[in-house]
Amino acid sequence: MIRIAAALLLLLCTVPAAADDWTGADKFYHFSASLAVGTAAFTTAAFTWPEGEEPGFSAVSLGTVAGVGLSKELFDAAFGGDPSAKDFAWDMAGGVVALGINLLVWMAVGS
């Protein structure tokens, strides 16, 4: 699975994005949407994880963000959009920030 995702991301890097700047206006949307998706995934996993099992909230959170971000870029590639590895990088940055905030809250609550 990791190899497939890496191959797809490499494909995205080879597709030229039209005027894609690291600080373009759409990067805020990628970051904030991924922040929301990562928080929703972490929270859902935290409240539905079976009691007594090792929690995998981090993997669920980042995996969901990566899946949604990669799906969006592949959709762009398939249907005439502008796929961008930079967009995906901002997606993952939002996911990492969401994970950090959620872990801090999780530890502070004492769960």
C-alpha atoms as a PDB file:
ATOM      1  CA  MET A   1       0.000   0.000   0.000  1.00  0.00           C
ATOM      2  CA  ILE A   2       2.824   2.399   0.862  1.00  0.00           C
ATOM      3  CA  ARG A   3       4.506   1.635  -2.466  1.00  0.00           C
ATOM      4  CA  ILE A   4       1.312   2.373  -4.378  1.00  0.00           C
ATOM      5  CA  ALA A   5       0.876   5.696  -2.575  1.00  0.00           C
ATOM      6  CA  ALA A   6       4.528   6.590  -3.217  1.00  0.00           C
ATOM      7  CA  ALA A   7       4.177   5.739  -6.910  1.00  0.00           C
ATOM      8  CA  LEU A   8       1.032   7.850  -7.206  1.00  0.00           C
ATOM      9  CA  LEU A   9       2.708  10.758  -5.430  1.00  0.00           C
ATOM     10  CA  LEU A  10       5.690  10.455  -7.779  1.00  0.00           C
ATOM     11  CA  LEU A  11       3.250  10.600 -10.688  1.00  0.00           C
ATOM     12  CA  LEU A  12       1.793  13.808  -9.253  1.00  0.00           C
ATOM     13  CA  CYS A  13       5.262  15.330  -9.068  1.00  0.00           C
ATOM     14  CA  THR A  14       5.805  14.731 -12.778  1.00  0.00           C
ATOM     15  CA  VAL A  15       2.594  16.470 -13.856  1.00  0.00           C
ATOM     16  CA  PRO A  16       3.243  20.208 -14.353  1.00  0.00           C
ATOM     17  CA  ALA A  17       0.922  22.346 -12.280  1.00  0.00           C
ATOM     18  CA  ALA A  18      -0.174  25.635 -13.810  1.00  0.00           C
ATOM     19  CA  ALA A  19       1.282  28.535 -11.806  1.00  0.00           C
ATOM     20  CA  ASP A  20       1.479  26.468  -8.625  1.00  0.00           C
ATOM     21  CA  ASP A  21       3.201  28.465  -5.928  1.00  0.00           C
ATOM     22  CA  TRP A  22       4.015  27.116  -2.445  1.00  0.00           C
ATOM     23  CA  THR A  23       2.030  29.991  -0.944  1.00  0.00           C
ATOM     24  CA  GLY A  24      -0.816  30.135  -3.438  1.00  0.00           C
ATOM     25  CA  ALA A  25      -4.297  31.084  -2.296  1.00  0.00           C
ATOM     26  CA  ASP A  26      -5.528  27.483  -2.450  1.00  0.00           C
ATOM     27  CA  LYS A  27      -2.869  26.234  -0.016  1.00  0.00           C
ATOM     28  CA  PHE A  28      -4.796  27.652   2.962  1.00  0.00           C
ATOM     29  CA  TYR A  29      -7.814  25.590   1.906  1.00  0.00           C
ATOM     30  CA  HIS A  30      -5.747  22.420   1.604  1.00  0.00           C
ATOM     31  CA  PHE A  31      -4.218  23.000   5.036  1.00  0.00           C
ATOM     32  CA  SER A  32      -7.457  23.887   6.814  1.00  0.00           C
ATOM     33  CA  ALA A  33      -9.507  21.112   5.181  1.00  0.00           C
ATOM     34  CA  SER A  34      -6.884  18.568   6.186  1.00  0.00           C
ATOM     35  CA  LEU A  35      -6.814  19.999   9.701  1.00  0.00           C
ATOM     36  CA  ALA A  36     -10.561  19.373   9.914  1.00  0.00           C
ATOM     37  CA  VAL A  37     -10.366  15.899   8.337  1.00  0.00           C
ATOM     38  CA  GLY A  38      -7.503  14.873  10.635  1.00  0.00           C
ATOM     39  CA  THR A  39      -9.347  16.100  13.720  1.00  0.00           C
ATOM     40  CA  ALA A  40     -12.554  14.330  12.708  1.00  0.00           C
ATOM     41  CA  ALA A  41     -10.687  11.072  12.046  1.00  0.00           C
ATOM     42  CA  PHE A  42      -8.764  11.245  15.336  1.00  0.00           C
ATOM     43  CA  THR A  43     -11.896  12.043  17.338  1.00  0.00           C
ATOM     44  CA  THR A  44     -13.908   9.293  15.685  1.00  0.00           C
ATOM     45  CA  ALA A  45     -11.150   6.756  16.325  1.00  0.00           C
ATOM     46  CA  ALA A  46     -10.738   7.911  19.928  1.00  0.00           C
ATOM     47  CA  PHE A  47     -14.411   7.429  20.736  1.00  0.00           C
ATOM     48  CA  THR A  48     -14.903   4.160  18.859  1.00  0.00           C
ATOM     49  CA  TRP A  49     -11.653   2.290  19.547  1.00  0.00           C
ATOM     50  CA  PRO A  50     -12.195  -1.042  21.349  1.00  0.00           C
ATOM     51  CA  GLU A  51     -11.390  -0.917  25.053  1.00  0.00           C
ATOM     52  CA  GLY A  52      -8.119  -2.581  26.032  1.00  0.00           C
ATOM     53  CA  GLU A  53      -6.486  -2.470  22.593  1.00  0.00           C
ATOM     54  CA  GLU A  54      -3.467  -0.370  21.715  1.00  0.00           C
ATOM     55  CA  PRO A  55      -4.814   2.916  20.354  1.00  0.00           C
ATOM     56  CA  GLY A  56      -3.936   3.685  16.752  1.00  0.00           C
ATOM     57  CA  PHE A  57      -5.506   7.122  16.597  1.00  0.00           C
ATOM     58  CA  SER A  58      -2.409   8.666  15.002  1.00  0.00           C
ATOM     59  CA  ALA A  59      -2.373   6.170  12.150  1.00  0.00           C
ATOM     60  CA  VAL A  60      -6.100   6.606  11.567  1.00  0.00           C
ATOM     61  CA  SER A  61      -5.787  10.385  11.565  1.00  0.00           C
ATOM     62  CA  LEU A  62      -2.788  10.695   9.236  1.00  0.00           C
ATOM     63  CA  GLY A  63      -3.938   7.808   7.059  1.00  0.00           C
ATOM     64  CA  THR A  64      -7.301   9.450   6.506  1.00  0.00           C
ATOM     65  CA  VAL A  65      -5.700  12.795   5.649  1.00  0.00           C
ATOM     66  CA  ALA A  66      -3.284  11.125   3.227  1.00  0.00           C
ATOM     67  CA  GLY A  67      -6.080   9.138   1.610  1.00  0.00           C
ATOM     68  CA  VAL A  68      -8.346  12.135   1.141  1.00  0.00           C
ATOM     69  CA  GLY A  69      -5.524  14.386  -0.098  1.00  0.00           C
ATOM     70  CA  LEU A  70      -4.174  11.814  -2.525  1.00  0.00           C
ATOM     71  CA  SER A  71      -7.677  11.046  -3.780  1.00  0.00           C
ATOM     72  CA  LYS A  72      -8.297  14.722  -4.468  1.00  0.00           C
ATOM     73  CA  GLU A  73      -5.052  15.082  -6.421  1.00  0.00           C
ATOM     74  CA  LEU A  74      -5.746  11.914  -8.417  1.00  0.00           C
ATOM     75  CA  PHE A  75      -9.233  13.233  -9.162  1.00  0.00           C
ATOM     76  CA  ASP A  76      -7.624  16.429 -10.475  1.00  0.00           C
ATOM     77  CA  ALA A  77      -5.257  14.394 -12.645  1.00  0.00           C
ATOM     78  CA  ALA A  78      -8.047  12.260 -14.075  1.00  0.00           C
ATOM     79  CA  PHE A  79     -10.609  14.979 -14.717  1.00  0.00           C
ATOM     80  CA  GLY A  80      -8.661  17.941 -16.028  1.00  0.00           C
ATOM     81  CA  GLY A  81      -7.766  19.690 -12.803  1.00  0.00           C
ATOM     82  CA  ASP A  82      -4.284  20.738 -11.762  1.00  0.00           C
ATOM     83  CA  PRO A  83      -2.793  17.945  -9.628  1.00  0.00           C
ATOM     84  CA  SER A  84      -0.057  19.204  -7.372  1.00  0.00           C
ATOM     85  CA  ALA A  85       2.454  17.636  -5.028  1.00  0.00           C
ATOM     86  CA  LYS A  86       2.565  21.019  -3.279  1.00  0.00           C
ATOM     87  CA  ASP A  87      -1.147  20.782  -2.539  1.00  0.00           C
ATOM     88  CA  PHE A  88      -0.585  17.299  -1.125  1.00  0.00           C
ATOM     89  CA  ALA A  89       2.289  18.610   1.010  1.00  0.00           C
ATOM     90  CA  TRP A  90      -0.040  21.258   2.473  1.00  0.00           C
ATOM     91  CA  ASP A  91      -2.646  18.547   3.055  1.00  0.00           C
ATOM     92  CA  MET A  92      -0.132  16.544   5.055  1.00  0.00           C
ATOM     93  CA  ALA A  93       1.024  19.631   6.956  1.00  0.00           C
ATOM     94  CA  GLY A  94      -2.568  20.230   8.060  1.00  0.00           C
ATOM     95  CA  GLY A  95      -2.832  16.590   9.074  1.00  0.00           C
ATOM     96  CA  VAL A  96       0.354  16.752  11.152  1.00  0.00           C
ATOM     97  CA  VAL A  97      -0.792  19.930  12.936  1.00  0.00           C
ATOM     98  CA  ALA A  98      -4.186  18.322  13.624  1.00  0.00           C
ATOM     99  CA  LEU A  99      -2.458  15.247  15.023  1.00  0.00           C
ATOM    100  CA  GLY A 100      -0.243  17.350  17.282  1.00  0.00           C
ATOM    101  CA  ILE A 101      -3.164  19.341  18.660  1.00  0.00           C
ATOM    102  CA  ASN A 102      -5.281  16.227  19.149  1.00  0.00           C
ATOM    103  CA  LEU A 103      -2.499  14.352  20.944  1.00  0.00           C
ATOM    104  CA  LEU A 104      -1.937  17.317  23.272  1.00  0.00           C
ATOM    105  CA  VAL A 105      -5.654  17.449  24.084  1.00  0.00           C
ATOM    106  CA  TRP A 106      -5.770  13.658  24.506  1.00  0.00           C
ATOM    107  CA  MET A 107      -2.886  13.752  26.988  1.00  0.00           C
ATOM    108  CA  ALA A 108      -4.301  16.758  28.836  1.00  0.00           C
ATOM    109  CA  VAL A 109      -7.661  15.038  29.317  1.00  0.00           C
ATOM    110  CA  GLY A 110      -5.826  12.062  30.728  1.00  0.00           C
ATOM    111  CA  SER A 111      -7.414   9.385  28.616  1.00  0.00           C
END
